[in-house]
Structures are given as C-alpha cells and as structure tokens.
Amino acid sequence: MIIKKSELNLVPANELPLWVAEEVDFNEVDAPMLTNVMLDRMTEMGGAALSAPQVGLDMSMFVMGINQAKIEVFNPKIISYSKEETLMNEGSLSYPGILVIVKRPVAITVEYYNKNRELQQNEFQGLTARIFQHAFDHLQGTTLKEKVSKLKWDMATKRLNNYKQKLVKKYTQKKLLEI
C-alpha cells in the first residue's frame, strides 16, 4: 500500500472513527514511507502528533514529536500508568483552536514497533507521555471531546467562538477605518 502526502487530509471531527484502529500488517504497508509522509504532514499542520485515523487511515499507527525528536509508533500498547496524574491544557488537530484541561497520568510504560518492525519498550514522562496518550486515544476511537465533561467542552467552544467574533469585529472595524 502506497500512501501519498496529498491523500492525507484531516478527517472532520464529527467523522472521526469511534472504534479501535486495525493493527498494522507490516507485509501490507511500507512503514518507512508511511512514517515519512505522516511526519511531513504532522509538521505542515503544526501538530505534536498525528494518528492514522485522523487522516482517514484505519490503522494503529501515529507519529509524534517536538522539534527534532520525532518517533513513529506502530501497534502500540500502554503497559502501565503512573498513579500520579496532572492537569494540563490540550488541543488537537481534529479540533483547531480548542483547548481543554485534561487529567492524565504523568508517566507511562509503553510497547510499540518502529518503522523497521523492531519492538520498542519505553517509559515516557511529562509532555512526551501526554502526547503519546493523546495520540493513542485516537487509535482507541476516543477524541479530546470525550476526555472532558460536556460543560467543559461547551465552555471551550464558546471561548473559541467569542474569540473568532472579536477577530472578525476587529478586522471589520480596521477595514472600515481605511475606507
């Protein structure tokens, strides 16, 4: 299966799959090529991670990273979670402009395969653990919206809409002054 970057477009949030993504069969997927295409797309979109379901691919795979530290994750499993949890703002490429406070474990132990079919076992902490959990959620059919209460979600969307209205008003006033 060959996938081109031009084919990887964000699936509208209301169309994201709400089921567990299929495991990747390395005999059917060019993992190094898929990794490069996904990393390029993630970078273009300005994200810290991009999961296959977010771009319409039913496979258990995501890429993540900040700056130069980027990794590809195939068929991941979270083996354990720390008992300590922390609250932090999270956003998602699936919901541009929306930030909500999400409670997550501070550290996780994970297993996954890299693009070379090599099993990796890692412990991630802090922001890396949070990004991994967020991308993993997409593979489980869970989005950011399901991680918070309806009230918190409604407040976040209202904040975004108010901000958009202020921008429109400011831009409109500026254009009227130029006339």
Foldseek 3Di string as FASTA:
>chain_A
DDDALVQFDFDALVPQFQAAAAADDLVVDQLVRVQVSQVVNCVVLVHQKDAQSRRPHRYQKMKGHDDPDIFIFGPKDWPDFDPDKDWDWDDDSNHPQFIFIFIGGQKTWMWGAGSVRDIDIDMDGHPVRVVVVQNNCSNHSHHPCVRDDPVRRVVRVVVSVVVVVVVVVVVVVVVVVVD
